[in-house]
Amino acid sequence: MLLLLLQVLASCLWLGHSEVVTSFESSCPQFFFQNTPPNEALVPQNPAWICQRYNNRYYFATLYDKTRRIPVYSAYIYQPASCGRPKTWLVEPELISPAYPKMMKTEQSLSKEFKITLEEIGKHQAVLQDYTNLNGLNRGHLNPCCHQPDSDSKAATFTLTNIVPQNEKLNGGAWSIYEQQTMIKNTEGCKKTYVVVGAVPGNNYIANGRVNKPSYIWASACCEVNAKVRKTWAVIAENDRDEVESLTLGELEDKLTKLYGRSQVSLFDSACPRK
């Protein structure tokens, strides 16, 4: 009986340590061109695949690094609108345990409804307290609210699993110009645009070593002009400079391959041109 109890306990611990969904392909493939997520070259040692759910609907997908407490990337469909910013920040209950709700919750509601302490939430993901008293950094969205069409989709981007410590000048400067001006220009003639935005882990941390400060922020897109024509583009920025470098999709994949030092990175299905 003791052995059985130990086996059950080990199983529960493993479940609490595993991904939120088994894979993007089986759960929320619609956020990726041709239902094809980036390959395994970007997967961290302690990953969580999150289909970002808010008010009973999926709005985007995030590969999350539970050890560094930052997203590896967020993937979404570009549908720009005015940038009304919600005031509430959310967390992902299922990162604590699959027994908890599949929808985002505030730290306060999660604590009130399920008696979960902030310390317990913080074991599995970043919490709002991690992003207080930042020096030269702020909360940088990978999937920005201004790329979403309505109030619920914008609110869904305000989950702490979708942000990283980003250089304050970059976030409010060159990166903001890319998000709000360059993207509009680049998507002219596009019927549908699939976007993957990510962060390369760095050597520095905030919040007493809890949350990694990325060394680079990057973005990529593949748009459908018509049934036969697609176009792509990409950018990357060092996370301590207010500059954004424009690249082809193939150039970004090669650069990320070198930065991660693993196998060749592929961000989109092969039908998206690399040049």
Protein backbone atom coordinates (compact mmCIF):
# COMPACT_ATOMS: atom_id res chain seq x y z
CA MET A 1 0.00 0.00 0.00
CA LEU A 2 2.86 2.40 0.85
CA LEU A 3 4.50 1.66 -2.48
CA LEU A 4 1.23 2.36 -4.29
CA LEU A 5 0.83 5.69 -2.49
CA LEU A 6 4.38 6.65 -3.40
CA GLN A 7 3.70 5.81 -7.06
CA VAL A 8 0.53 7.93 -7.05
CA LEU A 9 2.40 10.83 -5.41
CA ALA A 10 5.19 10.61 -7.96
CA SER A 11 2.63 10.61 -10.76
CA CYS A 12 0.97 13.74 -9.36
CA LEU A 13 4.29 15.51 -9.04
CA TRP A 14 5.13 14.62 -12.62
CA LEU A 15 1.80 15.94 -13.85
CA GLY A 16 2.36 19.21 -12.04
CA HIS A 17 5.72 19.48 -13.74
CA SER A 18 4.53 18.71 -17.28
CA GLU A 19 3.16 20.78 -20.15
CA VAL A 20 -0.27 22.41 -20.01
CA VAL A 21 -1.21 20.76 -23.30
CA THR A 22 0.43 17.82 -25.01
CA SER A 23 1.23 19.72 -28.19
CA PHE A 24 0.14 22.75 -30.16
CA GLU A 25 -0.67 20.54 -33.16
CA SER A 26 -3.33 18.64 -31.24
CA SER A 27 -4.72 21.51 -29.17
CA CYS A 28 -4.47 24.96 -30.82
CA PRO A 29 -2.84 24.59 -34.25
CA GLN A 30 -4.83 27.47 -35.73
CA PHE A 31 -2.25 30.04 -34.61
CA PHE A 32 0.44 28.55 -36.86
CA PHE A 33 0.67 28.67 -40.65
CA GLN A 34 -0.30 25.26 -42.06
CA ASN A 35 -0.80 24.16 -38.41
CA THR A 36 2.99 23.90 -38.09
CA PRO A 37 4.65 25.30 -34.93
CA PRO A 38 8.38 26.08 -34.72
CA ASN A 39 10.51 22.96 -34.48
CA GLU A 40 12.05 21.50 -31.34
CA ALA A 41 15.27 23.52 -31.60
CA LEU A 42 13.74 26.21 -29.34
CA VAL A 43 12.23 23.90 -26.70
CA PRO A 44 13.80 24.52 -23.25
CA GLN A 45 14.61 21.85 -20.65
CA ASN A 46 11.50 22.60 -18.60
CA PRO A 47 8.80 23.58 -21.13
CA ALA A 48 5.08 24.22 -20.99
CA TRP A 49 2.95 24.38 -24.14
CA ILE A 50 0.15 26.83 -23.36
CA CYS A 51 -2.92 27.41 -25.47
CA GLN A 52 -3.73 30.82 -24.01
CA ARG A 53 -7.38 30.63 -22.94
CA TYR A 54 -9.53 33.49 -21.68
CA ASN A 55 -13.31 33.55 -21.22
CA ASN A 56 -13.60 30.06 -22.72
CA ARG A 57 -11.76 30.86 -25.93
CA TYR A 58 -8.21 30.36 -27.21
CA TYR A 59 -6.48 33.54 -28.38
CA PHE A 60 -2.83 32.59 -28.99
CA ALA A 61 -0.18 30.01 -28.14
CA THR A 62 2.91 30.31 -25.94
CA LEU A 63 5.87 28.02 -25.38
CA TYR A 64 6.90 28.81 -21.80
CA ASP A 65 10.19 28.18 -20.00
CA LYS A 66 9.19 27.27 -16.45
CA THR A 67 12.75 27.37 -15.14
CA ARG A 68 13.61 30.84 -16.46
CA ARG A 69 10.00 31.99 -16.00
CA ILE A 70 9.78 33.65 -19.40
CA PRO A 71 8.08 32.71 -22.68
CA VAL A 72 10.25 31.24 -25.42
CA TYR A 73 7.78 32.52 -27.99
CA SER A 74 4.15 33.47 -28.50
CA ALA A 75 2.32 32.76 -31.76
CA TYR A 76 -0.79 34.56 -32.95
CA ILE A 77 -2.73 35.85 -35.94
CA TYR A 78 -2.19 39.55 -36.60
CA GLN A 79 -5.45 41.52 -36.32
CA PRO A 80 -4.49 45.07 -35.35
CA ALA A 81 -6.72 47.52 -33.51
CA SER A 82 -6.36 50.49 -31.18
CA CYS A 83 -4.15 49.82 -28.18
CA GLY A 84 -6.54 50.02 -25.24
CA ARG A 85 -4.58 48.50 -22.36
CA PRO A 86 -6.34 46.32 -19.74
CA LYS A 87 -5.39 47.02 -16.13
CA THR A 88 -5.47 43.43 -14.88
CA TRP A 89 -2.55 40.97 -15.07
CA LEU A 90 -3.25 37.25 -15.29
CA VAL A 91 -1.49 33.96 -14.48
CA GLU A 92 -1.86 30.42 -15.82
CA PRO A 93 -3.40 28.07 -13.17
CA GLU A 94 -2.54 24.85 -15.01
CA LEU A 95 1.16 25.54 -14.62
CA ILE A 96 0.62 24.78 -10.94
CA SER A 97 -1.44 21.64 -11.55
CA PRO A 98 -3.64 20.18 -14.32
CA ALA A 99 -6.40 20.02 -11.68
CA TYR A 100 -6.80 23.80 -11.78
CA PRO A 101 -8.80 25.79 -14.39
CA LYS A 102 -7.69 25.91 -17.99
CA MET A 103 -8.43 29.63 -18.19
CA MET A 104 -6.23 32.51 -17.10
CA LYS A 105 -6.96 33.96 -13.66
CA THR A 106 -5.73 36.87 -11.60
CA GLU A 107 -3.41 36.04 -8.72
CA GLN A 108 -6.09 37.32 -6.32
CA SER A 109 -8.92 35.20 -7.76
CA LEU A 110 -6.74 32.09 -7.86
CA SER A 111 -5.80 32.61 -4.23
CA LYS A 112 -9.39 33.29 -3.18
CA GLU A 113 -11.06 30.46 -5.11
CA PHE A 114 -8.49 27.73 -4.54
CA LYS A 115 -6.57 28.93 -1.47
CA ILE A 116 -3.32 28.94 -3.42
CA THR A 117 -0.58 31.13 -1.97
CA LEU A 118 1.40 33.58 -4.06
CA GLU A 119 4.50 31.59 -3.16
CA GLU A 120 2.99 28.46 -4.71
CA ILE A 121 2.00 30.33 -7.88
CA GLY A 122 5.51 31.74 -8.12
CA LYS A 123 7.12 28.30 -8.05
CA HIS A 124 5.84 27.64 -11.56
CA GLN A 125 5.75 31.03 -13.29
CA ALA A 126 6.53 34.70 -12.93
CA VAL A 127 4.23 36.72 -10.67
CA LEU A 128 3.45 40.42 -10.71
CA GLN A 129 5.78 41.08 -7.79
CA ASP A 130 8.72 39.93 -9.95
CA TYR A 131 8.17 42.95 -12.21
CA THR A 132 8.11 45.63 -9.51
CA ASN A 133 10.94 48.13 -8.93
CA LEU A 134 12.60 47.43 -12.27
CA ASN A 135 15.59 49.57 -13.27
CA GLY A 136 15.68 50.38 -16.98
CA LEU A 137 13.36 47.49 -17.79
CA ASN A 138 9.61 47.02 -18.10
CA ARG A 139 7.06 44.36 -18.96
CA GLY A 140 7.57 43.58 -22.62
CA HIS A 141 4.74 41.75 -24.40
CA LEU A 142 5.64 39.18 -27.03
CA ASN A 143 2.06 39.20 -28.32
CA PRO A 144 1.15 42.89 -27.97
CA CYS A 145 -2.42 43.95 -27.23
CA CYS A 146 -2.44 46.32 -30.22
CA HIS A 147 -2.16 43.29 -32.53
CA GLN A 148 -5.47 41.94 -31.23
CA PRO A 149 -8.96 43.00 -32.40
CA ASP A 150 -11.22 43.20 -29.33
CA SER A 151 -11.32 43.63 -25.56
CA ASP A 152 -11.13 39.93 -24.65
CA SER A 153 -8.25 39.19 -27.01
CA LYS A 154 -6.38 42.23 -25.70
CA ALA A 155 -6.99 41.17 -22.09
CA ALA A 156 -5.64 37.71 -22.90
CA THR A 157 -2.25 39.21 -23.81
CA PHE A 158 -1.93 40.53 -20.27
CA THR A 159 -0.84 37.19 -18.88
CA LEU A 160 2.55 37.01 -17.17
CA THR A 161 3.37 34.02 -19.38
CA ASN A 162 3.41 36.40 -22.39
CA ILE A 163 5.91 38.98 -21.11
CA VAL A 164 9.65 39.31 -20.53
CA PRO A 165 11.88 41.91 -18.85
CA GLN A 166 12.50 44.20 -21.83
CA ASN A 167 14.77 47.20 -22.11
CA GLU A 168 12.57 50.19 -21.37
CA LYS A 169 13.91 52.36 -24.20
CA LEU A 170 13.66 49.52 -26.71
CA ASN A 171 10.11 48.63 -25.68
CA GLY A 172 8.92 52.22 -25.97
CA GLY A 173 11.13 53.09 -28.94
CA ALA A 174 12.33 51.01 -31.90
CA TRP A 175 10.35 47.90 -30.91
CA SER A 176 7.15 49.92 -30.56
CA ILE A 177 7.75 51.42 -34.00
CA TYR A 178 8.10 47.91 -35.42
CA GLU A 179 4.90 46.71 -33.73
CA GLN A 180 2.74 49.71 -34.60
CA GLN A 181 4.16 51.07 -37.85
CA THR A 182 6.37 48.54 -39.63
CA MET A 183 3.87 45.72 -39.19
CA ILE A 184 1.10 47.80 -40.77
CA LYS A 185 3.33 48.56 -43.74
CA ASN A 186 4.58 44.99 -44.11
CA THR A 187 1.10 43.48 -44.03
CA GLU A 188 -0.26 45.55 -46.90
CA GLY A 189 -1.87 43.12 -49.34
CA CYS A 190 -1.94 40.28 -46.79
CA LYS A 191 -5.17 38.37 -46.32
CA LYS A 192 -3.91 36.61 -43.17
CA THR A 193 -0.67 37.02 -41.24
CA TYR A 194 0.78 34.47 -38.84
CA VAL A 195 3.26 35.83 -36.29
CA VAL A 196 5.81 34.23 -33.97
CA VAL A 197 7.60 36.52 -31.49
CA GLY A 198 10.26 35.25 -29.11
CA ALA A 199 13.04 35.93 -26.65
CA VAL A 200 16.53 34.43 -26.43
CA PRO A 201 17.51 33.72 -22.80
CA GLY A 202 20.35 35.82 -21.41
CA ASN A 203 22.85 35.55 -18.56
CA ASN A 204 21.15 38.03 -16.23
CA TYR A 205 18.07 37.78 -14.00
CA ILE A 206 15.66 40.02 -12.13
CA ALA A 207 13.67 39.39 -8.94
CA ASN A 208 16.57 37.82 -7.03
CA GLY A 209 17.34 35.36 -9.81
CA ARG A 210 13.78 34.26 -10.45
CA VAL A 211 13.12 35.70 -13.93
CA ASN A 212 15.56 35.67 -16.82
CA LYS A 213 16.34 38.86 -18.72
CA PRO A 214 16.51 37.90 -22.43
CA SER A 215 19.57 38.82 -24.44
CA TYR A 216 17.54 39.30 -27.64
CA ILE A 217 13.91 39.90 -28.62
CA TRP A 218 12.88 38.71 -32.09
CA ALA A 219 9.81 38.61 -34.31
CA SER A 220 8.83 36.82 -37.51
CA ALA A 221 5.81 36.70 -39.78
CA CYS A 222 4.42 34.73 -42.69
CA CYS A 223 1.49 36.24 -44.56
CA GLU A 224 -0.84 34.82 -47.17
CA VAL A 225 -1.22 37.22 -50.08
CA ASN A 226 -3.35 34.70 -51.97
CA ALA A 227 -3.67 30.92 -52.28
CA LYS A 228 -0.28 30.64 -54.00
CA VAL A 229 1.74 33.62 -52.79
CA ARG A 230 3.22 34.17 -49.32
CA LYS A 231 5.68 36.71 -48.04
CA THR A 232 7.76 36.76 -44.89
CA TRP A 233 9.89 39.11 -42.81
CA ALA A 234 11.73 39.13 -39.49
CA VAL A 235 13.49 41.41 -37.00
CA ILE A 236 15.77 41.01 -33.99
CA ALA A 237 16.93 43.41 -31.28
CA GLU A 238 19.54 43.21 -28.56
CA ASN A 239 17.77 43.70 -25.26
CA ASP A 240 20.05 46.51 -24.10
CA ARG A 241 19.89 48.76 -27.17
CA ASP A 242 17.11 50.79 -28.79
CA GLU A 243 17.69 49.32 -32.26
CA VAL A 244 15.82 46.81 -34.39
CA GLU A 245 17.56 44.91 -37.20
CA SER A 246 15.49 43.80 -40.20
CA LEU A 247 16.18 40.31 -41.55
CA THR A 248 14.77 37.75 -43.91
CA LEU A 249 13.06 34.79 -42.26
CA GLY A 250 15.98 32.56 -43.25
CA GLU A 251 18.51 34.99 -41.76
CA LEU A 252 16.64 35.07 -38.47
CA GLU A 253 16.43 31.28 -38.31
CA ASP A 254 20.18 31.02 -38.94
CA LYS A 255 20.91 33.64 -36.30
CA LEU A 256 18.71 31.89 -33.74
CA THR A 257 20.40 28.59 -34.58
CA LYS A 258 23.75 30.12 -33.60
CA LEU A 259 22.37 31.86 -30.50
CA TYR A 260 20.71 28.71 -29.16
CA GLY A 261 23.54 26.42 -30.26
CA ARG A 262 21.32 23.47 -31.02
CA SER A 263 19.88 22.09 -34.24
CA GLN A 264 18.71 24.26 -37.14
CA VAL A 265 15.79 26.49 -36.11
CA SER A 266 12.63 26.45 -38.25
CA LEU A 267 9.90 28.92 -37.31
CA PHE A 268 7.34 28.26 -40.04
CA ASP A 269 6.20 25.62 -42.49
CA SER A 270 8.47 25.30 -45.54
CA ALA A 271 5.84 27.00 -47.73
CA CYS A 272 6.85 30.32 -46.14
CA PRO A 273 9.79 31.75 -48.16
CA ARG A 274 13.11 32.10 -46.37
CA LYS A 275 14.46 34.89 -48.61
